């Protein structure tokens, strides 16, 4: 989806290659899901619902549930041997049982078919969609082998490396990669001025 999508007073990123990893990225560099409005923007930006889907029925319980799922994803993605792994796996598997929102094709304003939901998406259906993405990621050996930790300074984002040659170093070339290039330039400039 969009890289560095700015929404209201928070920035949401969708550059990890997977919805479940995009949810994990909402903790970097600080809490990005600080409100129900931020969660609504994340749900739409992550592609869980079509653009323009009303999510006015989302309430603070949704925020708590998505944060709990995010916490359960941490040991599954970052610490497979941790003591909380079994509980987290059971919870993600349980959430994955929920049916995802039902899409349908309807004529748009110009007559072309567009994707709409059959009705307002429920919290459990959306959580289920993210949990299913996690199950798909964690059970796919090729995708699991492509998981990388960003090499950017102080960046904790995990992403799927789909680059040719599997040599991608950063979660985002535009964000962490740019920071590294700027830092390298400053180091070279400082070295030249000292010489």
N, C-alpha and C. Protein backbone atom coordinates (compact mmCIF):
# COMPACT_ATOMS: atom_id res chain seq x y z
N UNK A 1 0.84 -1.17 0.00
CA UNK A 1 0.00 0.00 0.00
C UNK A 1 0.89 1.24 0.00
N UNK A 2 0.40 2.31 0.55
CA UNK A 2 1.11 3.59 0.50
C UNK A 2 2.22 3.63 1.54
N UNK A 3 3.33 4.18 1.14
CA UNK A 3 4.46 4.35 2.05
C UNK A 3 4.35 5.70 2.71
N UNK A 4 4.47 5.72 4.02
CA UNK A 4 4.47 6.99 4.72
C UNK A 4 3.16 7.74 4.62
N UNK A 5 2.07 7.03 4.52
CA UNK A 5 0.77 7.69 4.43
C UNK A 5 0.56 8.52 5.68
N UNK A 6 0.38 9.81 5.51
CA UNK A 6 0.17 10.69 6.65
C UNK A 6 -1.32 10.87 6.83
N UNK A 7 -1.78 10.60 8.03
CA UNK A 7 -3.18 10.70 8.33
C UNK A 7 -3.33 11.44 9.65
N UNK A 8 -4.00 12.59 9.61
CA UNK A 8 -4.18 13.41 10.81
C UNK A 8 -2.83 13.66 11.47
N UNK A 9 -2.71 13.39 12.77
CA UNK A 9 -1.47 13.67 13.48
C UNK A 9 -0.60 12.43 13.66
N UNK A 10 -0.88 11.37 12.96
CA UNK A 10 -0.08 10.16 13.08
C UNK A 10 0.34 9.70 11.70
N UNK A 11 1.43 8.98 11.63
CA UNK A 11 1.92 8.46 10.36
C UNK A 11 1.81 6.94 10.39
N UNK A 12 1.19 6.41 9.36
CA UNK A 12 1.05 4.97 9.24
C UNK A 12 1.84 4.51 8.03
N UNK A 13 2.52 3.38 8.18
CA UNK A 13 3.32 2.84 7.08
C UNK A 13 2.79 1.48 6.69
N UNK A 14 2.85 1.22 5.40
CA UNK A 14 2.37 -0.05 4.85
C UNK A 14 3.40 -0.58 3.86
N UNK A 15 4.63 -0.78 4.34
CA UNK A 15 5.71 -1.17 3.44
C UNK A 15 6.42 -2.45 3.86
N UNK A 16 5.79 -3.27 4.69
CA UNK A 16 6.44 -4.50 5.15
C UNK A 16 6.18 -5.68 4.23
N UNK A 17 5.16 -5.58 3.41
CA UNK A 17 4.83 -6.66 2.50
C UNK A 17 3.74 -7.59 3.01
N UNK A 18 3.30 -7.42 4.24
CA UNK A 18 2.23 -8.25 4.81
C UNK A 18 1.41 -7.41 5.78
N UNK A 19 0.11 -7.66 5.82
CA UNK A 19 -0.79 -6.93 6.71
C UNK A 19 -0.39 -7.15 8.17
N UNK A 20 -0.09 -8.39 8.54
CA UNK A 20 0.25 -8.66 9.95
C UNK A 20 1.53 -7.94 10.36
N UNK A 21 2.49 -7.82 9.44
CA UNK A 21 3.72 -7.10 9.75
C UNK A 21 3.48 -5.59 9.77
N UNK A 22 2.54 -5.13 8.95
CA UNK A 22 2.16 -3.72 9.01
C UNK A 22 1.55 -3.39 10.37
N UNK A 23 0.79 -4.32 10.93
CA UNK A 23 0.25 -4.10 12.27
C UNK A 23 1.38 -4.02 13.30
N UNK A 24 2.36 -4.90 13.18
CA UNK A 24 3.53 -4.85 14.08
C UNK A 24 4.26 -3.51 13.96
N UNK A 25 4.31 -2.97 12.76
CA UNK A 25 5.05 -1.72 12.52
C UNK A 25 4.38 -0.52 13.17
N UNK A 26 3.16 -0.69 13.67
CA UNK A 26 2.46 0.45 14.29
C UNK A 26 3.03 0.79 15.66
N UNK A 27 4.07 0.11 16.09
CA UNK A 27 4.72 0.47 17.36
C UNK A 27 6.00 1.25 17.15
N UNK A 28 6.39 1.46 15.88
CA UNK A 28 7.68 2.10 15.60
C UNK A 28 7.50 3.46 14.96
N UNK A 29 8.19 4.49 15.39
CA UNK A 29 9.10 4.52 16.52
C UNK A 29 8.36 4.69 17.85
N UNK A 30 7.08 4.91 17.80
CA UNK A 30 6.24 5.00 18.99
C UNK A 30 4.87 4.46 18.63
N UNK A 31 3.96 4.52 19.55
CA UNK A 31 2.61 4.02 19.33
C UNK A 31 1.93 4.79 18.21
N UNK A 32 1.52 4.08 17.17
CA UNK A 32 0.82 4.69 16.02
C UNK A 32 -0.69 4.48 16.10
N UNK A 33 -1.10 3.54 16.93
CA UNK A 33 -2.53 3.29 17.10
C UNK A 33 -2.97 3.88 18.43
N UNK A 34 -2.90 5.18 18.52
CA UNK A 34 -3.20 5.87 19.76
C UNK A 34 -4.66 6.24 19.93
N UNK A 35 -5.46 5.98 18.92
CA UNK A 35 -6.88 6.35 18.99
C UNK A 35 -7.67 5.45 18.05
N UNK A 36 -8.98 5.46 18.23
CA UNK A 36 -9.85 4.69 17.35
C UNK A 36 -9.77 5.26 15.93
N UNK A 37 -9.63 6.57 15.79
CA UNK A 37 -9.48 7.16 14.46
C UNK A 37 -8.23 6.64 13.75
N UNK A 38 -7.13 6.53 14.49
CA UNK A 38 -5.89 5.98 13.92
C UNK A 38 -6.11 4.53 13.50
N UNK A 39 -6.83 3.76 14.31
CA UNK A 39 -7.10 2.37 13.96
C UNK A 39 -7.96 2.30 12.70
N UNK A 40 -8.97 3.13 12.61
CA UNK A 40 -9.81 3.16 11.40
C UNK A 40 -8.97 3.45 10.17
N UNK A 41 -8.06 4.44 10.28
CA UNK A 41 -7.18 4.77 9.16
C UNK A 41 -6.27 3.59 8.82
N UNK A 42 -5.77 2.90 9.84
CA UNK A 42 -4.90 1.74 9.60
C UNK A 42 -5.68 0.63 8.89
N UNK A 43 -6.88 0.33 9.35
CA UNK A 43 -7.69 -0.73 8.74
C UNK A 43 -7.91 -0.45 7.26
N UNK A 44 -8.23 0.80 6.93
CA UNK A 44 -8.45 1.16 5.53
C UNK A 44 -7.13 1.14 4.76
N UNK A 45 -6.08 1.74 5.32
CA UNK A 45 -4.78 1.79 4.65
C UNK A 45 -4.18 0.43 4.42
N UNK A 46 -4.43 -0.51 5.32
CA UNK A 46 -3.91 -1.86 5.18
C UNK A 46 -4.68 -2.67 4.14
N UNK A 47 -5.78 -2.11 3.65
CA UNK A 47 -6.57 -2.80 2.62
C UNK A 47 -7.53 -3.83 3.17
N UNK A 48 -7.79 -3.80 4.48
CA UNK A 48 -8.74 -4.75 5.05
C UNK A 48 -10.17 -4.45 4.64
N UNK A 49 -10.43 -3.20 4.32
CA UNK A 49 -11.74 -2.79 3.81
C UNK A 49 -11.51 -1.88 2.61
N UNK A 50 -12.47 -1.83 1.69
CA UNK A 50 -12.33 -0.91 0.56
C UNK A 50 -12.35 0.54 1.03
N UNK A 51 -11.67 1.39 0.29
CA UNK A 51 -11.67 2.84 0.58
C UNK A 51 -13.11 3.33 0.68
N UNK A 52 -13.37 4.15 1.66
CA UNK A 52 -14.71 4.71 1.83
C UNK A 52 -15.66 3.86 2.67
N UNK A 53 -15.19 2.70 3.13
CA UNK A 53 -16.04 1.86 3.98
C UNK A 53 -16.22 2.55 5.33
N UNK A 54 -17.48 2.77 5.73
CA UNK A 54 -17.68 3.42 7.02
C UNK A 54 -17.29 2.48 8.17
N UNK A 55 -16.52 3.01 9.08
CA UNK A 55 -16.11 2.25 10.26
C UNK A 55 -16.53 3.00 11.53
N UNK A 56 -17.62 3.71 11.43
CA UNK A 56 -18.08 4.52 12.56
C UNK A 56 -18.48 3.68 13.77
N UNK A 57 -18.76 2.40 13.55
CA UNK A 57 -19.14 1.52 14.65
C UNK A 57 -17.94 1.02 15.45
N UNK A 58 -16.73 1.31 14.98
CA UNK A 58 -15.52 0.92 15.74
C UNK A 58 -15.48 1.72 17.04
N UNK A 59 -15.13 1.04 18.11
CA UNK A 59 -15.08 1.70 19.42
C UNK A 59 -13.78 1.33 20.13
N UNK A 60 -13.54 1.84 21.32
CA UNK A 60 -12.27 1.55 22.02
C UNK A 60 -11.98 0.06 22.22
N UNK A 61 -13.00 -0.78 22.25
CA UNK A 61 -12.74 -2.22 22.37
C UNK A 61 -12.00 -2.75 21.14
N UNK A 62 -12.24 -2.14 19.99
CA UNK A 62 -11.51 -2.52 18.78
C UNK A 62 -10.03 -2.21 18.95
N UNK A 63 -9.74 -1.03 19.46
CA UNK A 63 -8.35 -0.63 19.66
C UNK A 63 -7.64 -1.61 20.59
N UNK A 64 -8.29 -1.96 21.69
CA UNK A 64 -7.71 -2.93 22.63
C UNK A 64 -7.46 -4.28 21.95
N UNK A 65 -8.43 -4.74 21.16
CA UNK A 65 -8.32 -6.05 20.51
C UNK A 65 -7.20 -6.06 19.48
N UNK A 66 -7.06 -5.00 18.69
CA UNK A 66 -5.98 -4.95 17.69
C UNK A 66 -4.61 -4.85 18.36
N UNK A 67 -4.54 -4.13 19.46
CA UNK A 67 -3.27 -4.06 20.19
C UNK A 67 -2.92 -5.41 20.81
N UNK A 68 -3.92 -6.15 21.30
CA UNK A 68 -3.66 -7.49 21.83
C UNK A 68 -3.15 -8.41 20.74
N UNK A 69 -3.78 -8.36 19.56
CA UNK A 69 -3.31 -9.18 18.45
C UNK A 69 -1.87 -8.79 18.09
N UNK A 70 -1.60 -7.51 18.05
CA UNK A 70 -0.24 -7.05 17.75
C UNK A 70 0.76 -7.61 18.76
N UNK A 71 0.39 -7.59 20.04
CA UNK A 71 1.28 -8.14 21.08
C UNK A 71 1.49 -9.64 20.89
N UNK A 72 0.45 -10.34 20.43
CA UNK A 72 0.59 -11.78 20.18
C UNK A 72 1.47 -12.06 18.96
N UNK A 73 1.53 -11.14 18.02
CA UNK A 73 2.36 -11.35 16.84
C UNK A 73 3.85 -11.23 17.15
N UNK A 74 4.19 -10.46 18.18
CA UNK A 74 5.60 -10.22 18.51
C UNK A 74 6.36 -11.52 18.73
N UNK A 75 5.94 -12.42 19.64
CA UNK A 75 6.74 -13.64 19.81
C UNK A 75 6.70 -14.55 18.57
N UNK A 76 5.63 -14.52 17.81
CA UNK A 76 5.54 -15.38 16.64
C UNK A 76 6.52 -14.96 15.55
N UNK A 77 6.71 -13.66 15.41
CA UNK A 77 7.58 -13.15 14.35
C UNK A 77 9.00 -12.91 14.84
N UNK A 78 9.14 -12.37 16.05
CA UNK A 78 10.47 -11.95 16.52
C UNK A 78 11.14 -12.89 17.50
N UNK A 79 10.36 -13.70 18.22
CA UNK A 79 10.95 -14.54 19.27
C UNK A 79 10.28 -15.91 19.33
N UNK A 80 10.47 -16.73 18.31
CA UNK A 80 9.78 -18.03 18.27
C UNK A 80 10.03 -18.94 19.46
N UNK A 81 11.11 -18.81 20.18
CA UNK A 81 11.37 -19.68 21.32
C UNK A 81 10.94 -19.11 22.65
N UNK A 82 10.29 -17.97 22.65
CA UNK A 82 9.95 -17.30 23.91
C UNK A 82 8.86 -18.04 24.67
N UNK A 83 8.78 -17.83 25.99
CA UNK A 83 7.77 -18.50 26.81
C UNK A 83 6.34 -18.16 26.41
N UNK A 84 6.12 -16.99 25.82
CA UNK A 84 4.76 -16.59 25.45
C UNK A 84 4.35 -17.09 24.06
N UNK A 85 5.24 -17.81 23.39
CA UNK A 85 4.99 -18.26 22.02
C UNK A 85 3.73 -19.13 21.92
N UNK A 86 3.59 -20.13 22.78
CA UNK A 86 2.46 -21.05 22.71
C UNK A 86 1.12 -20.36 22.91
N UNK A 87 1.06 -19.48 23.90
CA UNK A 87 -0.18 -18.75 24.15
C UNK A 87 -0.51 -17.83 22.97
N UNK A 88 0.51 -17.15 22.45
CA UNK A 88 0.31 -16.25 21.32
C UNK A 88 -0.17 -17.01 20.09
N UNK A 89 0.44 -18.16 19.83
CA UNK A 89 0.04 -18.98 18.69
C UNK A 89 -1.41 -19.45 18.82
N UNK A 90 -1.79 -19.88 20.02
CA UNK A 90 -3.17 -20.32 20.25
C UNK A 90 -4.15 -19.18 20.01
N UNK A 91 -3.80 -18.00 20.48
CA UNK A 91 -4.70 -16.85 20.30
C UNK A 91 -4.81 -16.46 18.82
N UNK A 92 -3.71 -16.43 18.10
CA UNK A 92 -3.76 -16.09 16.67
C UNK A 92 -4.57 -17.14 15.91
N UNK A 93 -4.34 -18.41 16.22
CA UNK A 93 -5.12 -19.47 15.57
C UNK A 93 -6.61 -19.33 15.86
N UNK A 94 -6.94 -18.97 17.10
CA UNK A 94 -8.34 -18.78 17.47
C UNK A 94 -8.95 -17.62 16.69
N UNK A 95 -8.23 -16.51 16.60
CA UNK A 95 -8.74 -15.36 15.85
C UNK A 95 -8.88 -15.66 14.37
N UNK A 96 -7.99 -16.49 13.84
CA UNK A 96 -8.02 -16.81 12.40
C UNK A 96 -9.27 -17.61 12.01
N UNK A 97 -9.96 -18.18 12.98
CA UNK A 97 -11.18 -18.94 12.69
C UNK A 97 -12.34 -18.05 12.24
N UNK A 98 -12.31 -16.78 12.62
CA UNK A 98 -13.40 -15.87 12.25
C UNK A 98 -13.40 -15.64 10.75
N UNK A 99 -14.57 -15.65 10.17
CA UNK A 99 -14.70 -15.39 8.74
C UNK A 99 -14.35 -13.93 8.45
N UNK A 100 -13.56 -13.69 7.41
CA UNK A 100 -13.21 -12.30 7.06
C UNK A 100 -14.43 -11.59 6.50
N UNK A 101 -14.38 -10.26 6.39
CA UNK A 101 -15.50 -9.52 5.81
C UNK A 101 -15.82 -10.04 4.40
N UNK A 102 -17.09 -10.13 4.08
CA UNK A 102 -17.51 -10.67 2.78
C UNK A 102 -17.55 -9.56 1.73
N UNK A 103 -16.69 -9.66 0.71
CA UNK A 103 -16.71 -8.65 -0.36
C UNK A 103 -17.74 -9.01 -1.42
N UNK A 104 -18.13 -8.00 -2.17
CA UNK A 104 -18.99 -8.22 -3.33
C UNK A 104 -18.62 -7.19 -4.38
N UNK A 105 -18.91 -7.48 -5.62
CA UNK A 105 -18.66 -6.56 -6.72
C UNK A 105 -19.95 -5.81 -7.03
N UNK A 106 -19.84 -4.49 -7.07
CA UNK A 106 -21.00 -3.64 -7.40
C UNK A 106 -20.58 -2.61 -8.44
N UNK A 107 -21.52 -2.18 -9.27
CA UNK A 107 -21.17 -1.15 -10.26
C UNK A 107 -20.81 0.17 -9.57
N UNK A 108 -19.70 0.75 -9.99
CA UNK A 108 -19.27 2.05 -9.47
C UNK A 108 -19.95 3.17 -10.24
N UNK A 109 -19.57 4.40 -9.94
CA UNK A 109 -20.18 5.57 -10.58
C UNK A 109 -20.00 5.55 -12.09
N UNK A 110 -18.88 5.03 -12.57
CA UNK A 110 -18.62 4.99 -14.01
C UNK A 110 -19.04 3.67 -14.65
N UNK A 111 -19.67 2.80 -13.90
CA UNK A 111 -20.15 1.53 -14.44
C UNK A 111 -19.19 0.37 -14.26
N UNK A 112 -17.92 0.63 -13.94
CA UNK A 112 -16.99 -0.47 -13.72
C UNK A 112 -17.26 -1.08 -12.35
N UNK A 113 -16.93 -2.33 -12.21
CA UNK A 113 -17.17 -3.02 -10.95
C UNK A 113 -16.14 -2.59 -9.91
N UNK A 114 -16.64 -2.34 -8.71
CA UNK A 114 -15.78 -1.99 -7.58
C UNK A 114 -16.09 -2.93 -6.42
N UNK A 115 -15.12 -3.06 -5.52
CA UNK A 115 -15.27 -3.94 -4.37
C UNK A 115 -15.93 -3.20 -3.22
N UNK A 116 -16.96 -3.79 -2.68
CA UNK A 116 -17.65 -3.27 -1.50
C UNK A 116 -17.87 -4.44 -0.55
N UNK A 117 -18.13 -4.12 0.70
CA UNK A 117 -18.41 -5.18 1.66
C UNK A 117 -19.90 -5.43 1.72
N UNK A 118 -20.25 -6.66 2.08
CA UNK A 118 -21.64 -7.06 2.16
C UNK A 118 -22.39 -6.30 3.26
N UNK A 119 -21.67 -5.83 4.24
CA UNK A 119 -22.25 -5.06 5.34
C UNK A 119 -21.13 -4.46 6.15
N UNK A 120 -21.44 -3.73 7.21
CA UNK A 120 -20.37 -3.17 8.03
C UNK A 120 -19.49 -4.28 8.59
N UNK A 121 -18.17 -4.15 8.46
CA UNK A 121 -17.29 -5.21 8.94
C UNK A 121 -17.26 -5.24 10.46
N UNK A 122 -17.30 -6.43 11.01
CA UNK A 122 -17.21 -6.58 12.45
C UNK A 122 -15.76 -6.63 12.90
N UNK A 123 -15.55 -6.33 14.16
CA UNK A 123 -14.22 -6.35 14.73
C UNK A 123 -13.57 -7.73 14.58
N UNK A 124 -14.31 -8.79 14.92
CA UNK A 124 -13.73 -10.13 14.86
C UNK A 124 -13.38 -10.54 13.43
N UNK A 125 -14.18 -10.10 12.46
CA UNK A 125 -13.89 -10.42 11.07
C UNK A 125 -12.59 -9.76 10.63
N UNK A 126 -12.37 -8.52 11.04
CA UNK A 126 -11.14 -7.81 10.67
C UNK A 126 -9.93 -8.39 11.40
N UNK A 127 -10.10 -8.70 12.68
CA UNK A 127 -9.02 -9.36 13.42
C UNK A 127 -8.69 -10.70 12.77
N UNK A 128 -9.72 -11.42 12.35
CA UNK A 128 -9.53 -12.70 11.69
C UNK A 128 -8.73 -12.58 10.41
N UNK A 129 -8.98 -11.52 9.65
CA UNK A 129 -8.24 -11.31 8.41
C UNK A 129 -6.75 -11.11 8.68
N UNK A 130 -6.43 -10.34 9.73
CA UNK A 130 -5.02 -10.11 10.08
C UNK A 130 -4.40 -11.40 10.61
N UNK A 131 -5.14 -12.11 11.44
CA UNK A 131 -4.63 -13.37 12.00
C UNK A 131 -4.40 -14.40 10.89
N UNK A 132 -5.30 -14.46 9.92
CA UNK A 132 -5.11 -15.39 8.78
C UNK A 132 -3.86 -15.04 7.99
N UNK A 133 -3.62 -13.74 7.83
CA UNK A 133 -2.40 -13.32 7.14
C UNK A 133 -1.17 -13.80 7.90
N UNK A 134 -1.22 -13.70 9.23
CA UNK A 134 -0.10 -14.18 10.05
C UNK A 134 0.08 -15.69 9.90
N UNK A 135 -1.02 -16.43 9.92
CA UNK A 135 -0.95 -17.89 9.76
C UNK A 135 -0.35 -18.22 8.39
N UNK A 136 -0.80 -17.53 7.34
CA UNK A 136 -0.26 -17.77 6.00
C UNK A 136 1.23 -17.48 5.95
N UNK A 137 1.64 -16.37 6.55
CA UNK A 137 3.06 -16.00 6.56
C UNK A 137 3.90 -17.02 7.30
N UNK A 138 3.45 -17.39 8.49
CA UNK A 138 4.25 -18.26 9.35
C UNK A 138 4.28 -19.72 8.89
N UNK A 139 3.34 -20.12 8.04
CA UNK A 139 3.31 -21.49 7.55
C UNK A 139 3.86 -21.63 6.13
N UNK A 140 4.28 -20.54 5.54
CA UNK A 140 4.86 -20.55 4.20
C UNK A 140 6.38 -20.49 4.33
N UNK A 141 7.08 -21.60 4.07
CA UNK A 141 8.53 -21.62 4.27
C UNK A 141 9.27 -20.55 3.47
N UNK A 142 8.84 -20.28 2.24
CA UNK A 142 9.53 -19.28 1.42
C UNK A 142 9.32 -17.88 2.00
N UNK A 143 8.11 -17.57 2.42
CA UNK A 143 7.84 -16.25 3.01
C UNK A 143 8.59 -16.10 4.33
N UNK A 144 8.56 -17.14 5.15
CA UNK A 144 9.27 -17.10 6.44
C UNK A 144 10.77 -16.89 6.23
N UNK A 145 11.32 -17.54 5.21
CA UNK A 145 12.75 -17.39 4.94
C UNK A 145 13.09 -16.00 4.41
N UNK A 146 12.08 -15.27 3.94
CA UNK A 146 12.30 -13.92 3.41
C UNK A 146 12.09 -12.83 4.45
N UNK A 147 11.78 -13.21 5.69
CA UNK A 147 11.61 -12.21 6.75
C UNK A 147 12.96 -11.60 7.09
N UNK A 148 12.98 -10.28 7.20
CA UNK A 148 14.21 -9.57 7.53
C UNK A 148 13.92 -8.51 8.59
N UNK A 149 14.90 -8.26 9.42
CA UNK A 149 14.87 -7.16 10.38
C UNK A 149 15.54 -5.97 9.71
N UNK A 150 14.92 -4.81 9.75
CA UNK A 150 15.49 -3.61 9.14
C UNK A 150 16.85 -3.31 9.77
N UNK A 151 17.82 -2.93 8.94
CA UNK A 151 19.16 -2.59 9.41
C UNK A 151 19.28 -1.11 9.79
N UNK A 152 18.19 -0.37 9.69
CA UNK A 152 18.22 1.04 10.06
C UNK A 152 18.49 1.21 11.55
N UNK A 153 19.17 2.31 11.90
CA UNK A 153 19.44 2.59 13.31
C UNK A 153 18.14 2.67 14.09
N UNK A 154 18.05 1.90 15.16
CA UNK A 154 16.90 1.90 16.06
C UNK A 154 15.59 1.53 15.38
N UNK A 155 15.63 0.84 14.27
CA UNK A 155 14.39 0.42 13.60
C UNK A 155 14.12 -1.04 13.94
N UNK A 156 12.93 -1.30 14.41
CA UNK A 156 12.55 -2.66 14.81
C UNK A 156 11.64 -3.34 13.80
N UNK A 157 11.39 -2.70 12.67
CA UNK A 157 10.42 -3.22 11.71
C UNK A 157 10.94 -4.49 11.04
N UNK A 158 10.07 -5.48 10.96
CA UNK A 158 10.33 -6.73 10.25
C UNK A 158 9.54 -6.67 8.95
N UNK A 159 10.15 -7.08 7.85
CA UNK A 159 9.50 -7.01 6.54
C UNK A 159 9.80 -8.27 5.74
N UNK A 160 9.07 -8.46 4.66
CA UNK A 160 9.31 -9.57 3.74
C UNK A 160 10.18 -9.03 2.61
N UNK A 161 11.35 -9.63 2.44
CA UNK A 161 12.28 -9.20 1.40
C UNK A 161 11.93 -9.91 0.10
N UNK A 162 11.34 -9.18 -0.82
CA UNK A 162 10.99 -9.74 -2.13
C UNK A 162 11.89 -9.17 -3.22
N UNK A 163 12.98 -8.51 -2.81
CA UNK A 163 13.88 -7.90 -3.79
C UNK A 163 14.63 -8.98 -4.57
N UNK A 164 15.06 -8.61 -5.76
CA UNK A 164 15.85 -9.53 -6.56
C UNK A 164 17.18 -9.74 -5.84
N UNK A 165 17.58 -10.95 -5.66
CA UNK A 165 18.82 -11.27 -4.97
C UNK A 165 18.68 -11.29 -3.45
N UNK A 166 17.51 -10.93 -2.95
CA UNK A 166 17.22 -10.92 -1.51
C UNK A 166 18.28 -10.15 -0.72
N UNK A 167 18.59 -8.93 -1.22
CA UNK A 167 19.61 -8.12 -0.56
C UNK A 167 19.04 -6.82 0.00
N UNK A 168 17.76 -6.74 0.18
CA UNK A 168 17.15 -5.54 0.75
C UNK A 168 17.64 -5.38 2.19
N UNK A 169 18.02 -4.16 2.56
CA UNK A 169 18.58 -3.92 3.89
C UNK A 169 17.62 -3.19 4.83
N UNK A 170 16.70 -2.43 4.27
CA UNK A 170 15.86 -1.58 5.08
C UNK A 170 14.38 -1.86 4.85
N UNK A 171 13.59 -1.55 5.86
CA UNK A 171 12.15 -1.71 5.73
C UNK A 171 11.64 -0.81 4.61
N UNK A 172 12.28 0.34 4.46
CA UNK A 172 11.90 1.30 3.42
C UNK A 172 13.14 2.05 2.97
N UNK A 173 13.41 2.03 1.68
CA UNK A 173 14.54 2.79 1.15
C UNK A 173 14.30 4.28 1.35
N UNK A 174 13.02 4.69 1.27
CA UNK A 174 12.68 6.10 1.41
C UNK A 174 12.80 6.59 2.85
N UNK A 175 12.67 5.72 3.83
CA UNK A 175 12.72 6.14 5.23
C UNK A 175 14.08 5.76 5.83
N UNK A 176 14.25 4.51 6.19
CA UNK A 176 15.51 4.09 6.84
C UNK A 176 16.70 4.15 5.88
N UNK A 177 16.49 3.78 4.63
CA UNK A 177 17.58 3.85 3.66
C UNK A 177 18.05 5.28 3.46
N UNK A 178 17.09 6.20 3.37
CA UNK A 178 17.46 7.60 3.21
C UNK A 178 18.21 8.11 4.43
N UNK A 179 17.77 7.72 5.63
CA UNK A 179 18.48 8.14 6.85
C UNK A 179 19.94 7.66 6.81
N UNK A 180 20.13 6.42 6.38
CA UNK A 180 21.48 5.87 6.31
C UNK A 180 22.32 6.61 5.29
N UNK A 181 21.76 6.93 4.13
CA UNK A 181 22.51 7.66 3.10
C UNK A 181 22.87 9.06 3.59
N UNK A 182 21.95 9.73 4.27
CA UNK A 182 22.23 11.07 4.81
C UNK A 182 23.33 10.98 5.87
N UNK A 183 23.24 10.00 6.76
CA UNK A 183 24.26 9.84 7.81
C UNK A 183 25.63 9.55 7.18
N UNK A 184 25.66 8.71 6.16
CA UNK A 184 26.92 8.40 5.48
C UNK A 184 27.51 9.65 4.84
N UNK A 185 26.66 10.47 4.21
CA UNK A 185 27.11 11.72 3.59
C UNK A 185 27.68 12.66 4.65
N UNK A 186 27.01 12.77 5.79
CA UNK A 186 27.49 13.64 6.86
C UNK A 186 28.83 13.16 7.40
N UNK A 187 28.98 11.85 7.53
CA UNK A 187 30.26 11.32 8.01
C UNK A 187 31.38 11.64 7.03
N UNK A 188 31.12 11.49 5.72
CA UNK A 188 32.13 11.80 4.71
C UNK A 188 32.48 13.28 4.72
N UNK A 189 31.45 14.12 4.81
CA UNK A 189 31.66 15.57 4.83
C UNK A 189 32.46 15.97 6.06
N UNK A 190 32.11 15.41 7.20
CA UNK A 190 32.83 15.72 8.44
C UNK A 190 34.28 15.27 8.34
N UNK A 191 34.52 14.11 7.75
CA UNK A 191 35.90 13.61 7.59
C UNK A 191 36.70 14.51 6.69
N UNK A 192 36.08 15.02 5.64
CA UNK A 192 36.79 15.92 4.70
C UNK A 192 37.12 17.26 5.34
N UNK A 193 36.21 17.76 6.18
CA UNK A 193 36.46 19.07 6.81
C UNK A 193 37.52 18.96 7.89
N UNK A 194 37.69 17.79 8.48
CA UNK A 194 38.73 17.59 9.50
C UNK A 194 40.10 17.40 8.87
N UNK A 195 40.09 16.93 7.64
CA UNK A 195 41.38 16.62 6.98
C UNK A 195 42.12 17.84 6.51
